[in-house]
C-alpha atoms as a PDB file:
ATOM      1  CA  HIS A   1     -20.717 -15.759   8.306  1.00  0.00           C
ATOM      2  CA  GLU A   2     -20.007 -12.532   6.449  1.00  0.00           C
ATOM      3  CA  ASP A   3     -23.315 -11.020   7.543  1.00  0.00           C
ATOM      4  CA  GLN A   4     -22.503 -11.564  11.218  1.00  0.00           C
ATOM      5  CA  ASN A   5     -22.688  -8.390  13.306  1.00  0.00           C
ATOM      6  CA  ILE A   6     -23.598  -6.153  10.372  1.00  0.00           C
ATOM      7  CA  ASN A   7     -25.540  -3.196  11.706  1.00  0.00           C
ATOM      8  CA  ASN A   8     -25.717  -0.702   8.907  1.00  0.00           C
ATOM      9  CA  PRO A   9     -29.268   0.373   8.046  1.00  0.00           C
ATOM     10  CA  ASN A  10     -27.948   3.564   6.489  1.00  0.00           C
ATOM     11  CA  ALA A  11     -24.860   2.095   4.813  1.00  0.00           C
ATOM     12  CA  ASP A  12     -24.417   0.201   1.544  1.00  0.00           C
ATOM     13  CA  GLY A  13     -24.036  -3.254   3.098  1.00  0.00           C
ATOM     14  CA  LYS A  14     -20.267  -3.384   2.516  1.00  0.00           C
ATOM     15  CA  VAL A  15     -19.278  -2.593   6.086  1.00  0.00           C
ATOM     16  CA  THR A  16     -19.689  -4.278   9.459  1.00  0.00           C
ATOM     17  CA  ILE A  17     -19.430  -2.737  12.918  1.00  0.00           C
ATOM     18  CA  GLY A  18     -17.012  -4.550  15.205  1.00  0.00           C
ATOM     19  CA  ARG A  19     -16.218  -4.211  18.871  1.00  0.00           C
ATOM     20  CA  SER A  20     -15.515  -0.706  20.164  1.00  0.00           C
ATOM     21  CA  GLY A  21     -17.345   0.609  17.094  1.00  0.00           C
ATOM     22  CA  ARG A  22     -14.475  -0.265  14.738  1.00  0.00           C
ATOM     23  CA  LEU A  23     -15.640  -0.538  11.121  1.00  0.00           C
ATOM     24  CA  PHE A  24     -14.493  -3.311   8.788  1.00  0.00           C
ATOM     25  CA  ILE A  25     -15.015  -3.963   5.083  1.00  0.00           C
ATOM     26  CA  ALA A  26     -17.571  -6.754   4.566  1.00  0.00           C
ATOM     27  CA  ASN A  27     -19.662  -8.209   1.731  1.00  0.00           C
ATOM     28  CA  ASP A  28     -17.101  -6.876  -0.750  1.00  0.00           C
ATOM     29  CA  SER A  29     -16.040  -8.264  -4.122  1.00  0.00           C
ATOM     30  CA  ASN A  30     -12.778  -9.520  -2.592  1.00  0.00           C
ATOM     31  CA  LEU A  31     -14.689 -11.583   0.005  1.00  0.00           C
ATOM     32  CA  VAL A  32     -12.325 -10.296   2.662  1.00  0.00           C
ATOM     33  CA  ILE A  33     -14.074 -11.845   5.674  1.00  0.00           C
ATOM     34  CA  PRO A  34     -14.323 -15.299   4.024  1.00  0.00           C
ATOM     35  CA  GLN A  35     -10.615 -14.897   3.189  1.00  0.00           C
ATOM     36  CA  HIS A  36      -9.815 -14.372   6.856  1.00  0.00           C
ATOM     37  CA  ARG A  37     -12.097 -17.224   7.908  1.00  0.00           C
ATOM     38  CA  GLY A  38     -10.218 -19.576   5.588  1.00  0.00           C
ATOM     39  CA  GLU A  39     -13.303 -20.011   3.390  1.00  0.00           C
ATOM     40  CA  LYS A  40     -11.878 -18.210   0.336  1.00  0.00           C
ATOM     41  CA  LEU A  41      -8.463 -19.644  -0.456  1.00  0.00           C
ATOM     42  CA  LEU A  42      -6.185 -19.571  -3.473  1.00  0.00           C
ATOM     43  CA  SER A  43      -6.158 -22.533  -5.826  1.00  0.00           C
ATOM     44  CA  ILE A  44      -2.897 -24.345  -6.564  1.00  0.00           C
ATOM     45  CA  THR A  45      -2.876 -22.580  -9.940  1.00  0.00           C
ATOM     46  CA  GLN A  46      -3.240 -19.167  -8.269  1.00  0.00           C
ATOM     47  CA  ILE A  47      -0.454 -19.924  -5.797  1.00  0.00           C
ATOM     48  CA  ASP A  48       1.825 -20.974  -8.649  1.00  0.00           C
ATOM     49  CA  SER A  49       0.891 -17.805 -10.545  1.00  0.00           C
ATOM     50  CA  TRP A  50       1.880 -15.613  -7.597  1.00  0.00           C
ATOM     51  CA  LYS A  51       5.123 -17.521  -7.134  1.00  0.00           C
ATOM     52  CA  HIS A  52       5.995 -17.146 -10.816  1.00  0.00           C
ATOM     53  CA  LEU A  53       5.004 -13.460 -10.855  1.00  0.00           C
ATOM     54  CA  ILE A  54       7.115 -12.495  -7.847  1.00  0.00           C
ATOM     55  CA  THR A  55      10.088 -14.548  -9.057  1.00  0.00           C
ATOM     56  CA  SER A  56       9.948 -13.151 -12.594  1.00  0.00           C
ATOM     57  CA  ARG A  57       9.699  -9.565 -11.335  1.00  0.00           C
ATOM     58  CA  ASN A  58      12.701 -10.048  -9.099  1.00  0.00           C
ATOM     59  CA  THR A  59      14.665 -11.616 -11.971  1.00  0.00           C
ATOM     60  CA  TYR A  60      13.792  -8.764 -14.357  1.00  0.00           C
ATOM     61  CA  CYS A  61      14.883  -6.155 -11.829  1.00  0.00           C
ATOM     62  CA  LEU A  62      18.100  -7.972 -10.945  1.00  0.00           C
ATOM     63  CA  ASP A  63      18.941  -8.218 -14.648  1.00  0.00           C
ATOM     64  CA  ASN A  64      18.627  -4.426 -14.764  1.00  0.00           C
ATOM     65  CA  ASN A  65      20.643  -3.816 -11.573  1.00  0.00           C
ATOM     66  CA  ILE A  66      17.508  -2.894  -9.632  1.00  0.00           C
ATOM     67  CA  ASN A  67      16.461  -4.087  -6.180  1.00  0.00           C
ATOM     68  CA  TYR A  68      12.833  -5.275  -6.171  1.00  0.00           C
ATOM     69  CA  TYR A  69      10.654  -5.546  -3.073  1.00  0.00           C
ATOM     70  CA  MET A  70       7.016  -6.416  -2.570  1.00  0.00           C
ATOM     71  CA  MET A  71       5.091  -5.437   0.547  1.00  0.00           C
ATOM     72  CA  VAL A  72       1.595  -6.672   1.333  1.00  0.00           C
ATOM     73  CA  VAL A  73      -0.141  -4.434   3.883  1.00  0.00           C
ATOM     74  CA  PRO A  74      -2.059  -6.531   6.444  1.00  0.00           C
ATOM     75  CA  ASP A  75      -5.824  -6.072   6.422  1.00  0.00           C
ATOM     76  CA  ALA A  76      -7.481  -4.443   9.422  1.00  0.00           C
ATOM     77  CA  HIS A  77      -9.182  -7.828   9.833  1.00  0.00           C
ATOM     78  CA  ALA A  78      -5.771  -9.324  10.694  1.00  0.00           C
ATOM     79  CA  VAL A  79      -4.390  -6.405  12.710  1.00  0.00           C
ATOM     80  CA  TYR A  80      -7.543  -5.909  14.797  1.00  0.00           C
ATOM     81  CA  LYS A  81      -8.902  -9.448  14.589  1.00  0.00           C
ATOM     82  CA  GLU A  82      -9.949  -9.239  18.249  1.00  0.00           C
ATOM     83  CA  ASP A  83     -12.478  -6.536  17.329  1.00  0.00           C
ATOM     84  CA  LEU A  84     -14.246  -8.609  14.654  1.00  0.00           C
ATOM     85  CA  PRO A  85     -16.688 -11.192  16.112  1.00  0.00           C
ATOM     86  CA  ALA A  86     -16.881 -13.015  12.762  1.00  0.00           C
ATOM     87  CA  LEU A  87     -13.256 -14.075  13.335  1.00  0.00           C
ATOM     88  CA  ASP A  88     -13.592 -15.232  16.942  1.00  0.00           C
ATOM     89  CA  ASN A  89     -11.819 -18.593  17.426  1.00  0.00           C
ATOM     90  CA  VAL A  90     -10.774 -18.646  13.749  1.00  0.00           C
ATOM     91  CA  THR A  91      -7.235 -19.944  13.161  1.00  0.00           C
ATOM     92  CA  SER A  92      -7.573 -20.956   9.513  1.00  0.00           C
ATOM     93  CA  ILE A  93      -4.897 -20.371   6.890  1.00  0.00           C
ATOM     94  CA  ARG A  94      -5.619 -17.515   4.478  1.00  0.00           C
ATOM     95  CA  PRO A  95      -4.260 -16.461   1.056  1.00  0.00           C
ATOM     96  CA  ILE A  96      -1.266 -14.459   2.337  1.00  0.00           C
ATOM     97  CA  GLN A  97      -0.051 -17.486   4.277  1.00  0.00           C
ATOM     98  CA  GLN A  98      -0.507 -19.724   1.245  1.00  0.00           C
ATOM     99  CA  ILE A  99       1.746 -17.418  -0.777  1.00  0.00           C
ATOM    100  CA  ILE A 100       4.391 -16.983   1.923  1.00  0.00           C
ATOM    101  CA  SER A 101       4.665 -20.729   2.551  1.00  0.00           C
ATOM    102  CA  ASN A 102       5.263 -21.369  -1.165  1.00  0.00           C
ATOM    103  CA  LEU A 103       7.921 -18.716  -1.824  1.00  0.00           C
ATOM    104  CA  ASN A 104      11.468 -20.044  -1.883  1.00  0.00           C
ATOM    105  CA  ASP A 105      13.001 -16.648  -1.104  1.00  0.00           C
ATOM    106  CA  LEU A 106      11.348 -14.225   1.329  1.00  0.00           C
ATOM    107  CA  SER A 107      14.212 -11.722   1.412  1.00  0.00           C
ATOM    108  CA  HIS A 108      12.325  -9.375  -0.940  1.00  0.00           C
ATOM    109  CA  PHE A 109       8.786 -10.013   0.378  1.00  0.00           C
ATOM    110  CA  ILE A 110       7.367  -8.174   3.381  1.00  0.00           C
ATOM    111  CA  TYR A 111       4.146  -8.777   5.316  1.00  0.00           C
ATOM    112  CA  PRO A 112       4.492  -6.569   8.427  1.00  0.00           C
ATOM    113  CA  LEU A 113       1.696  -7.994  10.592  1.00  0.00           C
ATOM    114  CA  LYS A 114       3.985  -8.448  13.608  1.00  0.00           C
ATOM    115  CA  GLU A 115       5.188  -4.847  13.390  1.00  0.00           C
ATOM    116  CA  MET A 116       1.636  -3.514  13.031  1.00  0.00           C
ATOM    117  CA  ASP A 117       0.439  -5.574  15.983  1.00  0.00           C
ATOM    118  CA  GLU A 118       3.301  -4.384  18.196  1.00  0.00           C
ATOM    119  CA  ALA A 119       2.650  -0.743  17.286  1.00  0.00           C
ATOM    120  CA  LYS A 120      -0.937  -0.860  18.546  1.00  0.00           C
ATOM    121  CA  ASN A 121       0.335   0.208  21.969  1.00  0.00           C
ATOM    122  CA  ILE A 122       1.608   3.444  20.377  1.00  0.00           C
ATOM    123  CA  GLY A 123      -1.648   4.457  18.687  1.00  0.00           C
ATOM    124  CA  GLU A 124      -4.231   3.499  16.090  1.00  0.00           C
ATOM    125  CA  VAL A 125      -2.431   1.810  13.190  1.00  0.00           C
ATOM    126  CA  TYR A 126      -5.734   1.520  11.303  1.00  0.00           C
ATOM    127  CA  HIS A 127      -8.287   4.325  11.140  1.00  0.00           C
ATOM    128  CA  PRO A 128     -11.332   2.796  12.941  1.00  0.00           C
ATOM    129  CA  SER A 129     -13.650   4.462  10.406  1.00  0.00           C
ATOM    130  CA  ASP A 130     -11.627   3.747   7.264  1.00  0.00           C
ATOM    131  CA  SER A 131     -10.551   0.728   5.218  1.00  0.00           C
ATOM    132  CA  HIS A 132      -6.907   1.922   5.126  1.00  0.00           C
ATOM    133  CA  TYR A 133      -4.131   2.068   7.663  1.00  0.00           C
ATOM    134  CA  SER A 134      -3.665   5.311   9.563  1.00  0.00           C
ATOM    135  CA  PRO A 135      -0.633   7.547   8.953  1.00  0.00           C
ATOM    136  CA  LEU A 136       0.949   5.849  11.978  1.00  0.00           C
ATOM    137  CA  GLY A 137       0.274   2.451  10.396  1.00  0.00           C
ATOM    138  CA  ALA A 138       1.851   3.682   7.171  1.00  0.00           C
ATOM    139  CA  PHE A 139       4.923   4.804   9.121  1.00  0.00           C
ATOM    140  CA  VAL A 140       5.192   1.403  10.801  1.00  0.00           C
ATOM    141  CA  CYS A 141       5.003  -0.323   7.404  1.00  0.00           C
ATOM    142  CA  TYR A 142       7.547   2.114   5.943  1.00  0.00           C
ATOM    143  CA  ARG A 143      10.059   1.269   8.657  1.00  0.00           C
ATOM    144  CA  ALA A 144       9.425  -2.472   8.318  1.00  0.00           C
ATOM    145  CA  LEU A 145       9.937  -2.258   4.559  1.00  0.00           C
ATOM    146  CA  LEU A 146      13.178  -0.274   4.658  1.00  0.00           C
ATOM    147  CA  ASN A 147      14.623  -2.345   7.489  1.00  0.00           C
ATOM    148  CA  LYS A 148      13.936  -5.464   5.422  1.00  0.00           C
ATOM    149  CA  MET A 149      15.914  -3.995   2.517  1.00  0.00           C
ATOM    150  CA  LYS A 150      19.200  -4.033   4.467  1.00  0.00           C
ATOM    151  CA  LEU A 151      20.522  -1.283   2.196  1.00  0.00           C
ATOM    152  CA  ASP A 152      22.351   1.926   3.063  1.00  0.00           C
ATOM    153  CA  LEU A 153      19.205   4.035   3.273  1.00  0.00           C
ATOM    154  CA  LYS A 154      18.026   6.841   5.504  1.00  0.00           C
ATOM    155  CA  ILE A 155      15.253   5.399   7.697  1.00  0.00           C
ATOM    156  CA  LEU A 156      13.168   7.878   9.661  1.00  0.00           C
ATOM    157  CA  SER A 157      13.089   7.276  13.421  1.00  0.00           C
ATOM    158  CA  TYR A 158      10.133   7.872  15.718  1.00  0.00           C
ATOM    159  CA  LYS A 159      11.932  10.980  16.987  1.00  0.00           C
ATOM    160  CA  GLU A 160      11.754  12.453  13.482  1.00  0.00           C
ATOM    161  CA  VAL A 161       7.965  12.302  13.224  1.00  0.00           C
ATOM    162  CA  LYS A 162       5.157  14.026  15.081  1.00  0.00           C
ATOM    163  CA  MET A 163       2.156  11.961  16.165  1.00  0.00           C
ATOM    164  CA  PHE A 164      -1.170  13.226  17.461  1.00  0.00           C
ATOM    165  CA  ASN A 165      -4.793  12.130  17.586  1.00  0.00           C
ATOM    166  CA  LYS A 166      -7.411  13.402  15.158  1.00  0.00           C
ATOM    167  CA  ASN A 167     -11.113  12.660  14.907  1.00  0.00           C
ATOM    168  CA  GLU A 168     -12.483  12.294  11.395  1.00  0.00           C
ATOM    169  CA  SER A 169     -14.623  10.028   9.283  1.00  0.00           C
ATOM    170  CA  GLY A 170     -13.114   7.675   6.715  1.00  0.00           C
ATOM    171  CA  ASP A 171     -14.345   5.869   3.616  1.00  0.00           C
ATOM    172  CA  LEU A 172     -16.265   3.324   5.731  1.00  0.00           C
ATOM    173  CA  GLY A 173     -17.667   5.921   8.101  1.00  0.00           C
ATOM    174  CA  ASN A 174     -18.846   7.969   5.135  1.00  0.00           C
ATOM    175  CA  LYS A 175     -21.180   5.142   4.157  1.00  0.00           C
ATOM    176  CA  TYR A 176     -23.423   6.225   7.039  1.00  0.00           C
ATOM    177  CA  THR A 177     -25.732   9.195   7.470  1.00  0.00           C
ATOM    178  CA  PRO A 178     -24.515  11.038   9.433  1.00  0.00           C
ATOM    179  CA  PRO A 179     -20.918   9.878   8.854  1.00  0.00           C
ATOM    180  CA  LYS A 180     -19.318   7.866  11.669  1.00  0.00           C
ATOM    181  CA  THR A 181     -16.133   9.527  12.913  1.00  0.00           C
ATOM    182  CA  ALA A 182     -13.351   7.996  14.998  1.00  0.00           C
ATOM    183  CA  ASP A 183     -10.066   8.896  16.652  1.00  0.00           C
ATOM    184  CA  PHE A 184      -6.977   7.875  14.698  1.00  0.00           C
ATOM    185  CA  THR A 185      -3.255   8.600  14.923  1.00  0.00           C
ATOM    186  CA  GLU A 186      -1.885  11.200  12.527  1.00  0.00           C
ATOM    187  CA  CYS A 187       1.835  11.109  11.757  1.00  0.00           C
ATOM    188  CA  PHE A 188       3.944  13.750   9.988  1.00  0.00           C
ATOM    189  CA  VAL A 189       7.650  14.198   9.272  1.00  0.00           C
ATOM    190  CA  LYS A 190       8.893  17.035  11.492  1.00  0.00           C
ATOM    191  CA  ASN A 191      11.529  18.462   9.148  1.00  0.00           C
ATOM    192  CA  PRO A 192      10.907  17.067   5.675  1.00  0.00           C
ATOM    193  CA  LEU A 193      13.516  17.319   2.933  1.00  0.00           C
ATOM    194  CA  ALA A 194      11.197  15.999   0.223  1.00  0.00           C
ATOM    195  CA  THR A 195       8.485  17.801  -1.732  1.00  0.00           C
ATOM    196  CA  LYS A 196       5.762  16.487  -4.002  1.00  0.00           C
ATOM    197  CA  VAL A 197       6.369  18.498  -7.170  1.00  0.00           C
ATOM    198  CA  TRP A 198       3.881  17.021  -9.647  1.00  0.00           C
ATOM    199  CA  ASN A 199       0.916  14.731 -10.138  1.00  0.00           C
ATOM    200  CA  ASN A 200      -1.199  13.941 -13.190  1.00  0.00           C
ATOM    201  CA  GLU A 201      -4.504  14.607 -11.359  1.00  0.00           C
ATOM    202  CA  VAL A 202      -5.806  11.135 -12.212  1.00  0.00           C
ATOM    203  CA  THR A 203      -7.641   9.199  -9.489  1.00  0.00           C
ATOM    204  CA  ASN A 204      -6.774   5.581  -8.646  1.00  0.00           C
ATOM    205  CA  ARG A 205      -5.485   3.390 -11.522  1.00  0.00           C
ATOM    206  CA  GLY A 206      -3.277   5.541 -13.720  1.00  0.00           C
ATOM    207  CA  HIS A 207      -2.445   8.115 -11.053  1.00  0.00           C
ATOM    208  CA  MET A 208       1.190   9.248 -11.153  1.00  0.00           C
ATOM    209  CA  SER A 209       3.175  11.670  -9.018  1.00  0.00           C
ATOM    210  CA  LEU A 210       6.733  12.777  -8.312  1.00  0.00           C
ATOM    211  CA  TRP A 211       8.556  13.637  -5.096  1.00  0.00           C
ATOM    212  CA  LEU A 212      12.018  15.230  -5.045  1.00  0.00           C
ATOM    213  CA  ASN A 213      14.407  15.316  -2.095  1.00  0.00           C
ATOM    214  CA  LYS A 214      16.953  18.041  -1.348  1.00  0.00           C
ATOM    215  CA  ASP A 215      19.530  15.281  -0.806  1.00  0.00           C
ATOM    216  CA  LYS A 216      20.467  14.263  -4.351  1.00  0.00           C
ATOM    217  CA  LYS A 217      22.867  11.533  -3.187  1.00  0.00           C
ATOM    218  CA  LYS A 218      20.111   9.163  -2.131  1.00  0.00           C
ATOM    219  CA  PRO A 219      18.957   6.399  -4.511  1.00  0.00           C
ATOM    220  CA  LYS A 220      15.890   6.654  -6.752  1.00  0.00           C
ATOM    221  CA  CYS A 221      12.711   4.673  -6.118  1.00  0.00           C
ATOM    222  CA  LEU A 222       9.669   3.683  -8.169  1.00  0.00           C
ATOM    223  CA  LEU A 223       6.595   2.861  -6.071  1.00  0.00           C
ATOM    224  CA  LEU A 224       3.938   0.743  -7.797  1.00  0.00           C
ATOM    225  CA  THR A 225       0.951   0.863  -5.522  1.00  0.00           C
ATOM    226  CA  ASP A 226      -2.767   0.816  -4.836  1.00  0.00           C
ATOM    227  CA  SER A 227      -4.543   3.298  -2.545  1.00  0.00           C
ATOM    228  CA  TYR A 228      -2.273   2.273   0.341  1.00  0.00           C
ATOM    229  CA  GLY A 229       0.436   4.363  -1.304  1.00  0.00           C
ATOM    230  CA  TRP A 230      -1.205   7.643  -0.298  1.00  0.00           C
ATOM    231  CA  LYS A 231      -0.206   7.716   3.364  1.00  0.00           C
ATOM    232  CA  ILE A 232       3.193   6.009   3.072  1.00  0.00           C
ATOM    233  CA  GLN A 233       4.633   8.220   0.324  1.00  0.00           C
ATOM    234  CA  ARG A 234       5.419  11.126   2.672  1.00  0.00           C
ATOM    235  CA  PHE A 235       7.822   8.821   4.542  1.00  0.00           C
ATOM    236  CA  LEU A 236       9.317   7.001   1.554  1.00  0.00           C
ATOM    237  CA  ALA A 237      10.120  10.334  -0.092  1.00  0.00           C
ATOM    238  CA  GLU A 238      12.486  11.155   2.780  1.00  0.00           C
ATOM    239  CA  SER A 239      14.612   8.083   2.032  1.00  0.00           C
ATOM    240  CA  PHE A 240      15.112   8.637  -1.698  1.00  0.00           C
ATOM    241  CA  SER A 241      16.397  11.446  -3.909  1.00  0.00           C
ATOM    242  CA  GLU A 242      13.484  10.883  -6.288  1.00  0.00           C
ATOM    243  CA  LEU A 243      10.257   8.969  -5.686  1.00  0.00           C
ATOM    244  CA  PHE A 244       8.075   8.259  -8.713  1.00  0.00           C
ATOM    245  CA  ILE A 245       4.643   6.871  -7.840  1.00  0.00           C
ATOM    246  CA  VAL A 246       2.462   4.916 -10.250  1.00  0.00           C
ATOM    247  CA  HIS A 247      -0.934   3.611  -9.156  1.00  0.00           C
ATOM    248  CA  SER A 248      -0.808   0.143 -10.694  1.00  0.00           C
ATOM    249  CA  PRO A 249      -0.651  -3.524  -9.598  1.00  0.00           C
ATOM    250  CA  LEU A 250       1.675  -4.292 -12.521  1.00  0.00           C
ATOM    251  CA  LEU A 251       5.429  -4.175 -12.977  1.00  0.00           C
ATOM    252  CA  GLU A 252       5.299  -1.134 -15.254  1.00  0.00           C
ATOM    253  CA  LYS A 253       8.382  -1.834 -17.385  1.00  0.00           C
ATOM    254  CA  ASN A 254       7.990   1.298 -19.520  1.00  0.00           C
ATOM    255  CA  ALA A 255       8.134   3.407 -16.365  1.00  0.00           C
ATOM    256  CA  ILE A 256      11.189   1.484 -15.177  1.00  0.00           C
ATOM    257  CA  GLU A 257      13.004   1.943 -18.489  1.00  0.00           C
ATOM    258  CA  LYS A 258      12.450   5.716 -18.479  1.00  0.00           C
ATOM    259  CA  PHE A 259      12.839   6.491 -14.766  1.00  0.00           C
ATOM    260  CA  LYS A 260      15.785   4.108 -14.200  1.00  0.00           C
ATOM    261  CA  PRO A 261      15.185   3.569 -10.471  1.00  0.00           C
ATOM    262  CA  ASP A 262      17.616   1.897  -8.099  1.00  0.00           C
ATOM    263  CA  ILE A 263      14.738   0.322  -6.183  1.00  0.00           C
ATOM    264  CA  VAL A 264      11.261  -0.783  -7.279  1.00  0.00           C
ATOM    265  CA  ILE A 265       8.575  -1.405  -4.665  1.00  0.00           C
ATOM    266  CA  THR A 266       5.225  -3.086  -5.198  1.00  0.00           C
ATOM    267  CA  LEU A 267       2.774  -2.155  -2.430  1.00  0.00           C
ATOM    268  CA  MET A 268      -0.666  -3.733  -2.177  1.00  0.00           C
ATOM    269  CA  ALA A 269      -3.467  -4.504   0.251  1.00  0.00           C
ATOM    270  CA  GLU A 270      -3.759  -8.052   1.548  1.00  0.00           C
ATOM    271  CA  ARG A 271      -7.381  -8.422   0.450  1.00  0.00           C
ATOM    272  CA  PHE A 272      -6.416  -8.023  -3.233  1.00  0.00           C
ATOM    273  CA  LEU A 273      -4.287 -11.178  -3.258  1.00  0.00           C
ATOM    274  CA  ILE A 274      -7.146 -13.284  -4.623  1.00  0.00           C
ATOM    275  CA  TYR A 275      -6.468 -11.678  -8.015  1.00  0.00           C
ATOM    276  CA  THR A 276      -3.074 -12.252  -9.644  1.00  0.00           C
ATOM    277  CA  PRO A 277      -2.097  -9.406 -11.994  1.00  0.00           C
ATOM    278  CA  ASN A 278      -0.695 -10.205 -15.433  1.00  0.00           C
ATOM    279  CA  ASP A 279       2.216  -7.912 -16.242  1.00  0.00           C
ATOM    280  CA  ALA A 280       2.101  -8.853 -19.934  1.00  0.00           C
ATOM    281  CA  THR A 281      -1.593  -8.487 -20.752  1.00  0.00           C
ATOM    282  CA  ASP A 282      -3.322  -6.284 -18.145  1.00  0.00           C
ATOM    283  CA  GLN A 283      -4.020  -2.646 -19.008  1.00  0.00           C
ATOM    284  CA  SER A 284      -1.058  -0.398 -18.226  1.00  0.00           C
ATOM    285  CA  ALA A 285      -1.082   2.616 -15.946  1.00  0.00           C
ATOM    286  CA  MET A 286      -0.332   5.014 -18.796  1.00  0.00           C
ATOM    287  CA  SER A 287      -3.268   3.601 -20.750  1.00  0.00           C
ATOM    288  CA  PHE A 288      -5.534   4.239 -17.756  1.00  0.00           C
ATOM    289  CA  ALA A 289      -4.122   7.760 -17.421  1.00  0.00           C
ATOM    290  CA  LYS A 290      -4.937   8.521 -21.066  1.00  0.00           C
ATOM    291  CA  GLU A 291      -8.475   7.141 -20.678  1.00  0.00           C
ATOM    292  CA  LYS A 292      -9.043   9.337 -17.633  1.00  0.00           C
ATOM    293  CA  GLY A 293      -7.993  12.528 -19.391  1.00  0.00           C
ATOM    294  CA  SER A 294      -4.445  13.095 -18.184  1.00  0.00           C
ATOM    295  CA  ASN A 295      -2.749  15.874 -20.141  1.00  0.00           C
ATOM    296  CA  ILE A 296       0.556  14.006 -19.710  1.00  0.00           C
ATOM    297  CA  VAL A 297       0.460  10.898 -21.883  1.00  0.00           C
ATOM    298  CA  SER A 298       4.046   9.612 -21.966  1.00  0.00           C
ATOM    299  CA  TYR A 299       6.874   8.824 -19.557  1.00  0.00           C
ATOM    300  CA  ASP A 300       9.178  11.010 -21.657  1.00  0.00           C
ATOM    301  CA  GLU A 301       7.015  14.011 -20.740  1.00  0.00           C
ATOM    302  CA  ILE A 302       7.159  13.077 -17.057  1.00  0.00           C
ATOM    303  CA  MET A 303      10.946  12.799 -17.150  1.00  0.00           C
ATOM    304  CA  LEU A 304      11.146  16.300 -18.663  1.00  0.00           C
ATOM    305  CA  ILE A 305       8.970  17.579 -15.804  1.00  0.00           C
ATOM    306  CA  ASN A 306      11.248  15.760 -13.386  1.00  0.00           C
ATOM    307  CA  GLU A 307      14.359  17.439 -14.799  1.00  0.00           C
ATOM    308  CA  LYS A 308      12.700  20.854 -14.645  1.00  0.00           C
ATOM    309  CA  TYR A 309      11.821  20.547 -10.965  1.00  0.00           C
ATOM    310  CA  LYS A 310      15.208  19.073 -10.033  1.00  0.00           C
ATOM    311  CA  LYS A 311      16.679  22.493 -10.859  1.00  0.00           C
ATOM    312  CA  VAL A 312      14.264  24.116  -8.405  1.00  0.00           C
ATOM    313  CA  VAL A 313      14.353  21.719  -5.422  1.00  0.00           C
ATOM    314  CA  LYS A 314      17.741  22.314  -3.804  1.00  0.00           C
END
């Protein structure tokens, strides 16, 4: 079924063209289309592992007076299911639903499919030529996440952002020669108070960056994320005095101990749920950063950088 409707003589075989020319990941190592067809499900052991992982993370954070939240960003295959012929008439359960149905407490777990679906009448919540949500989609997820928190936080309204259409290629469109471009909805904060002051110039796993807000009274946040963190960080930074971003699927306890956040967020793409991270044994973000040549090799160094810039951003 995964090969259905693939029309990519110039691409690498890991993309399929849906209705209206929308591009979707296909034939990938995560088996995303079989996941959404209900053909690639989690085993009982995997479900139990996710349940234990989420529960243990929440317990660790509570023990340290930290609020922990986990948000799974819906795949384009779920948000724009109507554009993917391989999913026509498919109503099967998929991994995200297996996890949700087995969690005893959903107050710290967010899967904003309903919000993404409702926002489609505003604009493109997924870039039709990219595997990631659009900036508008990131904004929708940001609002869903912070509303779920039920904390005294500044939440940007639609009046505080500017939206407009752009036409560009994305990572899926770039698989073609010439690249396939598409219209998507850009979204910026009109009057931002936050500034990105530092990053370690590492790509993907091991990437780290810092945002500082002019409002020092807001709480501090640590975002543990995959590539879906790129577009949402501009919005999150407006709600926190300090936003420290670490590209990692793990609960990076060394980062938590040094940064001392009030809130920790895990953000990940739905398609990655077939792999359960191991916080105790998997390679840490700082280890990846060192391997990739970062000139900053400790959280102590990052905290010194943080203190330096806090004197500048006022």
